[in-house]
Amino acid sequence: MFYKYILTILFCLTSLYSLDFKVASYNVENLFDLKYDGTEYNEYKPYSKYWNQKSFSVKLNNISKVINELNSDILALQEIESQNALNQLNKKLNYKYSQFIKNKNSSIGVAILSKFKIKEFERIIVDKYDKYSRDILKVTINIENKPLVIYVNHWRSKRAKESFRIKYATALKNDYLKLKDGIDYIVLGDLNSNYNEYQTFKYDKKLNNTYGITGINQVLNTTIDSNFVNKNNISKFDKEVHYNLWLDLKIDERFSSKFKTQSHTPDNILIPKSLFDNNSISYIDNSFGVFKPNYLYKNNHIKRWNRYKKDGYSDHLPIYAKFSTSKQTYKIINKNHFHTLNKIDSLYNIEQITEPLDIKNIIVVYKSKDIAIIKHSKYSKAIMIYKPPKSLRLGFRYDIRVNKLDYYNGLKEIKELSILNEIKYDKNYQNYLLGIDDIDIFDKQNQNQVLKDIEGIYINKYLYFYKNKIEQKVRLYLKKGINLPSNGSLIFIKNTQITIYKSRIQLTINNKKDFKIKKAK
């Protein structure tokens, strides 16, 4: 009884002295002061038409409003012009400690604000021969006498090729590998890299000059052998790997920036396996998020700074995560869990296939030269198979084993599969196709569905059609080799696939036999 009493006291004392805290990152988009330094961007020269006392005051008030409502304990900032600009901002905030660095020839620098004392800081030099490079700010903060290293980054933009961002990743890696054992650290900031950069940039010849290697994925090891490091396996790796907190969110929620309605994740928070080991500081499971109140983000639009109207905030949204000095539990997915689902739905619930997944009783409802579409029933989810085996026949039901998943510009697809069993032919397979009135075609949950019998007008890559007597339009893409109809043509589409291209819904014609021109203009 005595021992139980002592254990209870110890537990209460541990809980009493544990601390939860929030870490965030925010690219504030060009916070320049009103002192002329000679390195300003042309549009931010002090007391010019679009950057003057009024502009500066509005910008300060707006950014400080975001930061105060974000209410983080440690905040990394990017695109701060000077120590003076940081000081002016911090007058409207509640941070006792701060640090700022900028290269001599650079227009902007990086900073950190903290409610905890900054024990020491260091400048990590990225490239001493490149006057446009931005060094990495390294600070050490004690959280309840537990050291935490924060690396604040602002990598080169995508005006430069990937080899430039690899320099940042390499400089960063060279430093954190020298940390003493047991020192926790967080990598965060504007890396100008998507969490899945190795997928999104590989077909872009303007960026990919590194044979598919990226700074964020392969150098910092957020992926191993083209698979994301995740909570299930992060502790199993001998070498230093990182979990990217974007993986905590559903795919549709992964964005901190938008470009022409396309979702991007340039801002990242990466954490090593030590933040899962419960030895010192720990990540609070599923605490990662994007700060996006209505005044910052509404109707798929980020309200960025508008220098003409002297209004707005930034072209980035803040991201944040919570950590604790107390022990945490993590929701680890049983690796065999998905084997019991046997549904296509399960493929949309997982990031990648780490071991083969069996899906039973699917039917092939559409097939062309390069793709096949499978589903279970008329209103069940559908998924595309890229380059399906020839033995997978239209109208037949199968049991299959999925060996590899992939995303192509946001569209989920099966890249590799094995046929376990051919069940039977269903002569009514076309009944599993949907009409335009059956579903919301703009809901991304309906991606890969095949629609039938649609009539509309083709104008400038868009199909104009009527649904419930209301005219709507959707982008229409015709695969290579299929001739485009002339503008104003009335067309009839026999079959079309709901696809996603750079975050936008479109309809794709995969076969020239799938549509015909009823009346040309």
Protein backbone atom coordinates (compact mmCIF):
# COMPACT_ATOMS: atom_id res chain seq x y z
CA MET A 1 0.00 0.00 0.00
CA PHE A 2 2.90 2.31 0.87
CA TYR A 3 4.50 1.73 -2.54
CA LYS A 4 1.26 2.53 -4.34
CA TYR A 5 1.10 5.78 -2.38
CA ILE A 6 4.66 6.71 -3.37
CA LEU A 7 3.98 5.89 -7.02
CA THR A 8 0.89 8.08 -6.97
CA ILE A 9 2.90 11.00 -5.56
CA LEU A 10 5.63 10.52 -8.19
CA PHE A 11 3.05 10.45 -10.97
CA CYS A 12 1.45 13.66 -9.70
CA LEU A 13 4.83 15.38 -9.42
CA THR A 14 5.75 14.31 -12.97
CA SER A 15 2.46 15.65 -14.31
CA LEU A 16 2.86 18.86 -12.32
CA TYR A 17 6.27 19.65 -13.80
CA SER A 18 5.63 18.56 -17.37
CA LEU A 19 5.15 21.23 -19.98
CA ASP A 20 3.35 21.35 -23.30
CA PHE A 21 4.42 23.99 -25.81
CA LYS A 22 3.69 25.04 -29.39
CA VAL A 23 6.27 25.57 -32.14
CA ALA A 24 5.27 27.36 -35.36
CA SER A 25 6.71 28.69 -38.60
CA TYR A 26 5.46 31.59 -40.69
CA ASN A 27 6.76 33.17 -43.88
CA VAL A 28 5.41 36.71 -43.47
CA GLU A 29 6.14 37.75 -47.08
CA ASN A 30 8.54 40.66 -47.30
CA LEU A 31 8.41 42.47 -43.98
CA PHE A 32 10.66 45.43 -44.84
CA ASP A 33 11.26 48.40 -42.57
CA LEU A 34 11.46 52.06 -43.58
CA LYS A 35 15.23 52.42 -43.36
CA TYR A 36 17.09 52.38 -46.67
CA ASP A 37 19.84 49.72 -46.71
CA GLY A 38 20.45 49.36 -50.45
CA THR A 39 19.45 45.69 -50.57
CA GLU A 40 15.68 46.25 -50.74
CA TYR A 41 13.54 44.86 -53.52
CA ASN A 42 12.53 47.70 -55.85
CA GLU A 43 8.90 47.59 -54.74
CA TYR A 44 9.93 47.88 -51.05
CA LYS A 45 12.20 50.90 -51.18
CA PRO A 46 11.27 53.14 -48.21
CA TYR A 47 8.76 55.93 -48.72
CA SER A 48 7.96 54.89 -52.27
CA LYS A 49 4.44 54.85 -53.70
CA TYR A 50 3.65 51.33 -52.52
CA TRP A 51 5.84 51.09 -49.41
CA ASN A 52 5.48 53.93 -46.97
CA GLN A 53 4.44 54.58 -43.38
CA LYS A 54 0.86 53.56 -44.01
CA SER A 55 1.88 50.32 -45.79
CA PHE A 56 4.34 49.44 -43.05
CA SER A 57 1.83 50.12 -40.27
CA VAL A 58 -0.89 48.03 -41.89
CA LYS A 59 1.52 45.18 -42.58
CA LEU A 60 2.77 45.20 -38.98
CA ASN A 61 -0.74 45.27 -37.56
CA ASN A 62 -1.93 42.47 -39.82
CA ILE A 63 1.04 40.15 -39.25
CA SER A 64 0.98 40.77 -35.50
CA LYS A 65 -2.72 39.90 -35.42
CA VAL A 66 -1.95 36.52 -37.02
CA ILE A 67 0.96 35.81 -34.70
CA ASN A 68 -0.95 36.79 -31.55
CA GLU A 69 -3.87 34.55 -32.48
CA LEU A 70 -1.52 31.73 -33.48
CA ASN A 71 -0.18 31.95 -29.92
CA SER A 72 2.91 29.80 -30.32
CA ASP A 73 5.62 29.60 -27.70
CA ILE A 74 8.41 29.40 -30.28
CA LEU A 75 7.96 31.01 -33.70
CA ALA A 76 10.26 30.78 -36.71
CA LEU A 77 9.90 33.64 -39.20
CA GLN A 78 11.05 34.04 -42.78
CA GLU A 79 11.30 37.09 -45.06
CA ILE A 80 12.22 39.60 -42.36
CA GLU A 81 14.37 42.41 -43.75
CA SER A 82 16.26 43.46 -40.65
CA GLN A 83 16.69 43.42 -36.89
CA ASN A 84 14.81 46.72 -36.89
CA ALA A 85 11.84 45.20 -38.74
CA LEU A 86 11.81 42.32 -36.25
CA ASN A 87 11.95 44.73 -33.30
CA GLN A 88 9.07 46.79 -34.69
CA LEU A 89 7.00 43.63 -35.08
CA ASN A 90 7.86 42.31 -31.63
CA LYS A 91 6.62 45.53 -30.01
CA LYS A 92 3.13 44.30 -30.88
CA LEU A 93 3.78 40.77 -29.64
CA ASN A 94 4.62 39.04 -26.39
CA TYR A 95 8.01 37.39 -26.91
CA LYS A 96 10.82 38.02 -24.45
CA TYR A 97 13.59 36.49 -26.56
CA SER A 98 14.49 36.79 -30.24
CA GLN A 99 17.28 36.22 -32.73
CA PHE A 100 17.78 37.36 -36.32
CA ILE A 101 20.33 36.63 -39.06
CA LYS A 102 20.75 37.81 -42.63
CA ASN A 103 23.53 37.59 -45.17
CA LYS A 104 25.13 40.91 -46.09
CA ASN A 105 23.94 40.90 -49.70
CA SER A 106 20.54 39.37 -49.06
CA SER A 107 17.31 41.36 -49.04
CA ILE A 108 15.66 39.22 -46.37
CA GLY A 109 16.64 37.05 -43.43
CA VAL A 110 15.22 34.61 -40.90
CA ALA A 111 14.34 35.04 -37.24
CA ILE A 112 13.02 33.28 -34.20
CA LEU A 113 10.81 34.56 -31.38
CA SER A 114 10.65 32.61 -28.14
CA LYS A 115 8.95 32.74 -24.76
CA PHE A 116 11.78 30.55 -23.48
CA LYS A 117 15.32 31.80 -23.03
CA ILE A 118 17.59 31.29 -26.03
CA LYS A 119 20.71 29.69 -24.60
CA GLU A 120 22.87 30.12 -27.71
CA PHE A 121 22.65 30.63 -31.44
CA GLU A 122 24.76 29.89 -34.48
CA ARG A 123 24.77 30.72 -38.17
CA ILE A 124 25.00 27.64 -40.42
CA ILE A 125 26.71 28.77 -43.61
CA VAL A 126 25.08 27.27 -46.70
CA ASP A 127 27.39 28.47 -49.50
CA LYS A 128 30.05 31.07 -48.82
CA TYR A 129 30.61 31.54 -52.57
CA ASP A 130 26.96 32.32 -53.38
CA LYS A 131 26.04 35.85 -52.36
CA TYR A 132 22.34 35.05 -52.77
CA SER A 133 22.32 32.12 -50.36
CA ARG A 134 20.49 32.45 -47.04
CA ASP A 135 22.19 30.93 -44.02
CA ILE A 136 20.35 28.71 -41.56
CA LEU A 137 19.67 29.99 -38.05
CA LYS A 138 20.42 27.45 -35.31
CA VAL A 139 19.25 28.21 -31.77
CA THR A 140 19.36 26.16 -28.59
CA ILE A 141 16.53 26.63 -26.13
CA ASN A 142 16.13 24.99 -22.73
CA ILE A 143 12.64 23.64 -22.08
CA GLU A 144 12.39 22.66 -18.40
CA ASN A 145 16.18 22.13 -18.44
CA LYS A 146 15.87 19.94 -21.52
CA PRO A 147 17.84 21.25 -24.53
CA LEU A 148 16.02 21.70 -27.82
CA VAL A 149 17.77 22.80 -31.01
CA ILE A 150 15.70 24.67 -33.61
CA TYR A 151 16.90 25.05 -37.20
CA VAL A 152 15.16 27.95 -38.98
CA ASN A 153 15.38 27.63 -42.77
CA HIS A 154 14.53 29.63 -45.86
CA TRP A 155 15.82 27.71 -48.87
CA ARG A 156 16.21 29.03 -52.42
CA SER A 157 13.00 29.42 -54.35
CA LYS A 158 12.03 27.35 -57.35
CA ARG A 159 13.36 29.96 -59.66
CA ALA A 160 16.52 27.93 -59.06
CA LYS A 161 17.05 24.25 -59.81
CA GLU A 162 16.95 21.54 -57.14
CA SER A 163 20.75 21.42 -56.84
CA PHE A 164 20.58 24.78 -55.00
CA ARG A 165 18.17 23.42 -52.37
CA ILE A 166 20.36 20.35 -51.93
CA LYS A 167 23.10 22.71 -50.70
CA TYR A 168 20.81 23.82 -47.87
CA ALA A 169 19.87 20.26 -46.97
CA THR A 170 23.51 19.19 -47.00
CA ALA A 171 24.65 22.08 -44.77
CA LEU A 172 21.82 21.27 -42.39
CA LYS A 173 22.60 17.57 -42.33
CA ASN A 174 26.29 18.16 -41.70
CA ASP A 175 25.35 20.11 -38.59
CA TYR A 176 22.68 17.94 -36.97
CA LEU A 177 24.85 14.85 -37.40
CA LYS A 178 27.36 16.54 -35.07
CA LEU A 179 24.84 17.06 -32.25
CA LYS A 180 25.52 15.21 -29.03
CA ASP A 181 23.50 12.08 -28.38
CA GLY A 182 20.21 12.83 -26.68
CA ILE A 183 19.85 16.37 -28.06
CA ASP A 184 16.40 16.84 -29.57
CA TYR A 185 16.02 19.10 -32.59
CA ILE A 186 13.40 20.40 -34.99
CA VAL A 187 13.93 21.39 -38.63
CA LEU A 188 11.38 23.92 -39.83
CA GLY A 189 10.77 26.86 -42.11
CA ASP A 190 10.20 27.62 -45.76
CA LEU A 191 12.13 24.87 -47.54
CA ASN A 192 10.52 25.75 -50.88
CA SER A 193 9.98 22.02 -51.23
CA ASN A 194 6.79 20.00 -51.12
CA TYR A 195 6.69 17.19 -48.57
CA ASN A 196 6.59 14.84 -51.59
CA GLU A 197 8.98 16.87 -53.73
CA TYR A 198 10.56 13.77 -55.25
CA GLN A 199 7.16 13.01 -56.80
CA THR A 200 6.07 16.51 -57.80
CA PHE A 201 9.30 17.68 -59.43
CA LYS A 202 10.54 14.58 -61.22
CA TYR A 203 8.86 15.45 -64.54
CA ASP A 204 9.87 19.13 -64.37
CA LYS A 205 13.02 19.57 -66.44
CA LYS A 206 13.43 23.13 -65.16
CA LEU A 207 13.85 21.86 -61.60
CA ASN A 208 15.13 18.31 -61.85
CA ASN A 209 18.84 18.61 -62.56
CA THR A 210 19.70 16.08 -59.82
CA TYR A 211 18.51 12.80 -61.35
CA GLY A 212 15.45 12.69 -59.12
CA ILE A 213 17.29 13.44 -55.87
CA THR A 214 15.78 16.14 -53.64
CA GLY A 215 17.06 17.91 -50.58
CA ILE A 216 13.99 17.37 -48.43
CA ASN A 217 13.34 13.72 -49.27
CA GLN A 218 16.63 11.98 -50.01
CA VAL A 219 19.22 14.18 -48.26
CA LEU A 220 17.23 14.78 -45.08
CA ASN A 221 15.79 11.26 -45.36
CA THR A 222 12.08 11.93 -45.05
CA THR A 223 11.84 9.05 -47.53
CA ILE A 224 13.75 5.78 -47.76
CA ASP A 225 13.59 3.82 -51.01
CA SER A 226 10.77 6.07 -52.26
CA ASN A 227 8.65 5.38 -49.16
CA PHE A 228 7.89 8.04 -46.56
CA VAL A 229 9.38 7.61 -43.12
CA ASN A 230 6.37 7.23 -40.83
CA LYS A 231 5.53 6.71 -37.19
CA ASN A 232 5.44 2.95 -37.66
CA ASN A 233 9.02 2.61 -38.82
CA ILE A 234 10.97 5.72 -37.78
CA SER A 235 12.55 4.00 -34.75
CA LYS A 236 13.78 1.09 -36.88
CA PHE A 237 16.31 3.05 -38.92
CA ASP A 238 19.93 3.17 -37.85
CA LYS A 239 20.69 6.33 -39.81
CA GLU A 240 19.19 9.71 -39.06
CA VAL A 241 15.76 9.98 -40.67
CA HIS A 242 12.91 12.46 -40.29
CA TYR A 243 9.15 12.35 -40.09
CA ASN A 244 7.47 15.15 -42.01
CA LEU A 245 4.47 16.34 -40.02
CA TRP A 246 2.45 16.98 -43.19
CA LEU A 247 1.77 13.23 -43.12
CA ASP A 248 -0.41 13.79 -40.05
CA LEU A 249 -3.03 15.50 -42.24
CA LYS A 250 -5.33 14.17 -44.93
CA ILE A 251 -4.00 14.81 -48.40
CA ASP A 252 -6.60 17.46 -49.24
CA GLU A 253 -5.58 19.42 -46.13
CA ARG A 254 -1.89 19.53 -47.02
CA PHE A 255 -1.12 23.08 -48.10
CA SER A 256 0.40 26.24 -46.67
CA SER A 257 0.52 28.03 -50.02
CA LYS A 258 -1.61 28.19 -53.15
CA PHE A 259 -0.58 29.03 -56.69
CA LYS A 260 -3.37 29.28 -59.23
CA THR A 261 -5.53 27.20 -56.84
CA GLN A 262 -2.84 24.49 -56.71
CA SER A 263 -1.86 23.27 -53.26
CA HIS A 264 1.78 23.44 -52.17
CA THR A 265 3.65 22.65 -48.96
CA PRO A 266 6.79 24.85 -49.07
CA ASP A 267 6.66 25.24 -45.29
CA ASN A 268 7.64 22.13 -43.37
CA ILE A 269 8.31 20.81 -39.87
CA LEU A 270 10.60 17.76 -39.78
CA ILE A 271 11.32 15.82 -36.61
CA PRO A 272 13.83 13.04 -35.85
CA LYS A 273 13.10 9.75 -34.11
CA SER A 274 14.33 11.18 -30.79
CA LEU A 275 11.10 13.18 -30.55
CA PHE A 276 9.20 9.89 -30.43
CA ASP A 277 11.37 8.08 -27.84
CA ASN A 278 9.89 9.70 -24.69
CA ASN A 279 13.34 10.31 -23.24
CA SER A 280 13.28 14.10 -23.06
CA ILE A 281 10.98 16.15 -25.30
CA SER A 282 8.27 14.42 -27.32
CA TYR A 283 5.98 15.29 -30.19
CA ILE A 284 2.29 15.39 -29.22
CA ASP A 285 0.65 13.01 -31.66
CA ASN A 286 -1.48 14.55 -34.42
CA SER A 287 -0.96 18.09 -33.11
CA PHE A 288 0.32 19.42 -36.43
CA GLY A 289 -1.89 21.90 -38.21
CA VAL A 290 -2.23 24.86 -40.55
CA PHE A 291 -3.46 28.12 -39.06
CA LYS A 292 -6.13 29.37 -41.45
CA PRO A 293 -8.91 31.49 -39.96
CA ASN A 294 -11.39 32.97 -42.43
CA TYR A 295 -9.61 36.29 -42.64
CA LEU A 296 -6.47 34.47 -43.86
CA TYR A 297 -7.98 31.75 -46.02
CA LYS A 298 -11.40 31.62 -47.65
CA ASN A 299 -12.86 30.07 -50.80
CA ASN A 300 -9.61 28.40 -51.76
CA HIS A 301 -7.81 31.74 -51.58
CA ILE A 302 -5.05 32.96 -49.28
CA LYS A 303 -5.34 36.68 -48.58
CA ARG A 304 -1.76 37.67 -49.30
CA TRP A 305 -0.27 41.13 -49.03
CA ASN A 306 -1.51 43.49 -51.76
CA ARG A 307 0.87 46.42 -52.10
CA TYR A 308 -1.55 48.34 -54.33
CA LYS A 309 -4.42 48.17 -51.85
CA LYS A 310 -2.09 48.23 -48.83
CA ASP A 311 -3.94 45.32 -47.32
CA GLY A 312 -3.56 41.61 -46.70
CA TYR A 313 -1.17 39.32 -44.88
CA SER A 314 1.16 36.84 -46.60
CA ASP A 315 1.19 34.35 -49.45
CA HIS A 316 1.92 31.63 -46.87
CA LEU A 317 -0.17 30.24 -44.02
CA PRO A 318 1.47 29.53 -40.66
CA ILE A 319 2.05 25.91 -39.66
CA TYR A 320 2.45 24.64 -36.11
CA ALA A 321 2.94 21.56 -33.92
CA LYS A 322 2.88 20.84 -30.19
CA PHE A 323 5.51 19.16 -28.05
CA SER A 324 5.76 18.09 -24.44
CA THR A 325 8.26 17.23 -21.73
CA SER A 326 5.93 14.44 -20.58
CA LYS A 327 5.71 10.99 -22.11
CA GLN A 328 3.37 10.52 -25.05
CA THR A 329 1.55 7.65 -26.72
CA TYR A 330 1.36 7.30 -30.48
CA LYS A 331 -1.30 5.77 -32.64
CA ILE A 332 0.69 3.16 -34.52
CA ILE A 333 -1.22 1.42 -37.28
CA ASN A 334 -0.99 -2.34 -37.17
CA LYS A 335 0.71 -3.35 -40.39
CA ASN A 336 -1.89 -6.07 -40.96
CA HIS A 337 -4.84 -3.80 -40.25
CA PHE A 338 -5.59 -2.93 -43.84
CA HIS A 339 -5.54 -6.56 -44.90
CA THR A 340 -8.85 -7.02 -43.10
CA LEU A 341 -10.62 -4.23 -45.01
CA ASN A 342 -10.50 -5.74 -48.50
CA LYS A 343 -11.96 -2.58 -49.99
CA ILE A 344 -10.76 0.06 -52.44
CA ASP A 345 -11.64 2.63 -49.76
CA SER A 346 -8.68 1.37 -47.74
CA LEU A 347 -6.29 2.45 -50.51
CA TYR A 348 -7.41 6.05 -50.03
CA ASN A 349 -6.75 5.81 -46.29
CA ILE A 350 -3.06 4.97 -46.55
CA GLU A 351 -0.11 6.93 -47.87
CA GLN A 352 1.87 4.05 -49.33
CA ILE A 353 1.93 0.28 -49.53
CA THR A 354 4.53 -1.03 -47.10
CA GLU A 355 3.47 -4.62 -47.69
CA PRO A 356 1.06 -6.15 -50.25
CA LEU A 357 -2.62 -5.45 -49.72
CA ASP A 358 -5.34 -7.82 -50.92
CA ILE A 359 -8.52 -6.33 -52.38
CA LYS A 360 -11.33 -8.74 -53.15
CA ASN A 361 -14.17 -8.84 -55.63
CA ILE A 362 -13.39 -5.79 -57.77
CA ILE A 363 -14.81 -5.28 -61.24
CA VAL A 364 -13.07 -3.66 -64.20
CA VAL A 365 -15.57 -1.01 -65.36
CA TYR A 366 -13.30 0.75 -67.87
CA LYS A 367 -10.12 -0.03 -69.75
CA SER A 368 -8.05 1.76 -72.37
CA LYS A 369 -4.50 1.39 -73.61
CA ASP A 370 -2.75 2.75 -70.51
CA ILE A 371 -5.30 2.60 -67.71
CA ALA A 372 -8.06 0.54 -66.13
CA ILE A 373 -10.67 1.66 -63.60
CA ILE A 374 -11.87 -0.73 -60.93
CA LYS A 375 -14.53 -0.53 -58.20
CA HIS A 376 -16.81 -2.81 -56.16
CA SER A 377 -20.28 -1.48 -56.92
CA LYS A 378 -21.97 1.41 -58.67
CA TYR A 379 -21.57 3.95 -55.87
CA SER A 380 -18.38 2.63 -54.30
CA LYS A 381 -15.05 4.39 -54.71
CA ALA A 382 -13.07 3.82 -57.88
CA ILE A 383 -9.34 3.74 -58.47
CA MET A 384 -7.16 3.79 -61.54
CA ILE A 385 -4.60 1.15 -62.45
CA TYR A 386 -1.70 2.58 -64.45
CA LYS A 387 -0.52 0.28 -67.24
CA PRO A 388 -2.69 -2.66 -66.17
CA PRO A 389 -1.73 -6.23 -67.08
CA LYS A 390 -3.25 -7.45 -70.33
CA SER A 391 -4.85 -10.35 -68.47
CA LEU A 392 -7.05 -7.88 -66.56
CA ARG A 393 -10.15 -7.90 -68.74
CA LEU A 394 -13.00 -5.43 -69.04
CA GLY A 395 -16.20 -6.53 -67.26
CA PHE A 396 -14.55 -9.26 -65.18
CA ARG A 397 -14.43 -9.52 -61.41
CA TYR A 398 -11.17 -10.32 -59.64
CA ASP A 399 -9.37 -10.67 -56.36
CA ILE A 400 -6.16 -8.66 -56.63
CA ARG A 401 -3.05 -7.92 -54.60
CA VAL A 402 -1.88 -4.29 -54.64
CA ASN A 403 1.90 -3.98 -54.45
CA LYS A 404 2.48 -0.28 -55.10
CA LEU A 405 0.51 2.96 -54.92
CA ASP A 406 1.43 6.33 -56.36
CA TYR A 407 0.14 9.85 -56.87
CA TYR A 408 0.33 11.66 -60.15
CA ASN A 409 -0.40 15.36 -59.69
CA GLY A 410 -2.76 14.51 -56.82
CA LEU A 411 -4.53 11.58 -58.49
CA LYS A 412 -4.22 8.26 -56.67
CA GLU A 413 -3.34 5.23 -58.73
CA ILE A 414 -2.23 1.63 -58.45
CA LYS A 415 1.21 1.21 -60.02
CA GLU A 416 1.77 -2.52 -59.45
CA LEU A 417 -0.63 -5.40 -58.79
CA SER A 418 -1.00 -9.15 -59.01
CA ILE A 419 -4.15 -11.01 -60.03
CA LEU A 420 -5.01 -13.56 -57.35
CA ASN A 421 -8.21 -14.91 -58.79
CA GLU A 422 -10.47 -14.30 -61.79
CA ILE A 423 -14.01 -14.71 -60.50
CA LYS A 424 -16.49 -14.20 -63.35
CA TYR A 425 -17.66 -11.96 -66.16
CA ASP A 426 -20.47 -9.51 -65.42
CA LYS A 427 -22.30 -8.56 -68.60
CA ASN A 428 -23.90 -5.62 -66.80
CA TYR A 429 -20.59 -3.94 -65.94
CA GLN A 430 -21.61 -0.72 -67.69
CA ASN A 431 -24.31 -0.26 -65.07
CA TYR A 432 -21.52 0.56 -62.62
CA LEU A 433 -20.70 3.76 -64.54
CA LEU A 434 -22.23 6.99 -63.26
CA GLY A 435 -24.13 9.83 -64.85
CA ILE A 436 -23.39 13.51 -64.37
CA ASP A 437 -26.41 13.80 -62.05
CA ASP A 438 -25.40 10.89 -59.83
CA ILE A 439 -22.50 12.56 -57.99
CA ASP A 440 -20.74 15.84 -57.35
CA ILE A 441 -17.96 15.70 -59.92
CA PHE A 442 -16.06 18.50 -58.15
CA ASP A 443 -15.73 16.49 -54.93
CA LYS A 444 -12.23 15.01 -54.90
CA GLN A 445 -13.62 11.98 -53.08
CA ASN A 446 -15.09 11.02 -56.46
CA GLN A 447 -11.74 10.99 -58.28
CA ASN A 448 -11.26 8.14 -60.78
CA GLN A 449 -14.98 7.58 -61.24
CA VAL A 450 -16.03 7.01 -64.85
CA LEU A 451 -18.94 9.10 -66.10
CA LYS A 452 -21.09 8.23 -69.08
CA ASP A 453 -23.35 9.98 -71.57
CA ILE A 454 -22.52 13.65 -71.13
CA GLU A 455 -23.42 16.33 -73.62
CA GLY A 456 -21.94 19.81 -73.63
CA ILE A 457 -20.19 22.62 -75.46
CA TYR A 458 -16.41 22.65 -75.77
CA ILE A 459 -14.78 26.09 -75.40
CA ASN A 460 -11.09 26.78 -74.68
CA LYS A 461 -10.33 23.50 -72.90
CA TYR A 462 -13.56 23.57 -70.88
CA LEU A 463 -16.76 21.59 -71.17
CA TYR A 464 -19.91 23.60 -70.52
CA PHE A 465 -22.85 21.44 -69.48
CA TYR A 466 -26.14 21.62 -67.59
CA LYS A 467 -26.87 19.94 -64.26
CA ASN A 468 -30.23 20.49 -62.59
CA LYS A 469 -30.91 23.21 -65.19
CA ILE A 470 -27.84 25.15 -64.04
CA GLU A 471 -24.92 25.69 -66.41
CA GLN A 472 -21.58 24.51 -65.11
CA LYS A 473 -18.12 24.11 -66.56
CA VAL A 474 -15.23 21.75 -65.98
CA ARG A 475 -11.78 21.51 -67.52
CA LEU A 476 -11.66 18.83 -70.22
CA TYR A 477 -8.39 17.10 -71.02
CA LEU A 478 -7.89 14.88 -74.05
CA LYS A 479 -5.00 12.42 -73.96
CA LYS A 480 -2.16 12.84 -76.43
CA GLY A 481 -3.13 11.77 -79.92
CA ILE A 482 -6.80 12.71 -79.56
CA ASN A 483 -7.75 15.68 -81.72
CA LEU A 484 -9.32 18.62 -79.94
CA PRO A 485 -12.76 19.72 -81.09
CA SER A 486 -13.06 23.27 -82.35
CA ASN A 487 -14.33 25.95 -80.00
CA GLY A 488 -18.11 26.01 -79.76
CA SER A 489 -18.55 22.37 -80.80
CA LEU A 490 -21.41 20.39 -79.32
CA ILE A 491 -19.89 17.09 -78.17
CA PHE A 492 -21.22 13.85 -76.75
CA ILE A 493 -18.99 12.03 -74.27
CA LYS A 494 -19.58 8.31 -73.97
CA ASN A 495 -17.02 7.77 -71.17
CA THR A 496 -14.78 10.12 -69.22
CA GLN A 497 -12.69 9.80 -66.08
CA ILE A 498 -12.78 12.26 -63.17
CA THR A 499 -9.14 13.19 -62.63
CA ILE A 500 -7.09 15.73 -60.68
CA TYR A 501 -4.41 17.88 -62.21
CA LYS A 502 -2.44 20.16 -59.93
CA SER A 503 -5.23 20.24 -57.34
CA ARG A 504 -7.99 20.96 -59.88
CA ILE A 505 -10.75 18.59 -60.94
CA GLN A 506 -10.91 17.83 -64.62
CA LEU A 507 -12.50 15.28 -66.91
CA THR A 508 -10.12 13.18 -68.98
CA ILE A 509 -10.87 11.54 -72.31
CA ASN A 510 -8.60 8.48 -72.52
CA ASN A 511 -9.73 7.09 -75.87
CA LYS A 512 -10.74 8.84 -79.09
CA LYS A 513 -13.72 6.48 -79.30
CA ASP A 514 -15.05 7.88 -76.02
CA PHE A 515 -16.47 11.05 -77.53
CA LYS A 516 -17.85 12.37 -80.77
CA ILE A 517 -18.66 15.77 -82.20
CA LYS A 518 -22.38 16.16 -82.70
CA LYS A 519 -22.23 19.60 -84.20
CA ALA A 520 -19.17 21.65 -85.04
CA LYS A 521 -19.28 25.42 -84.89
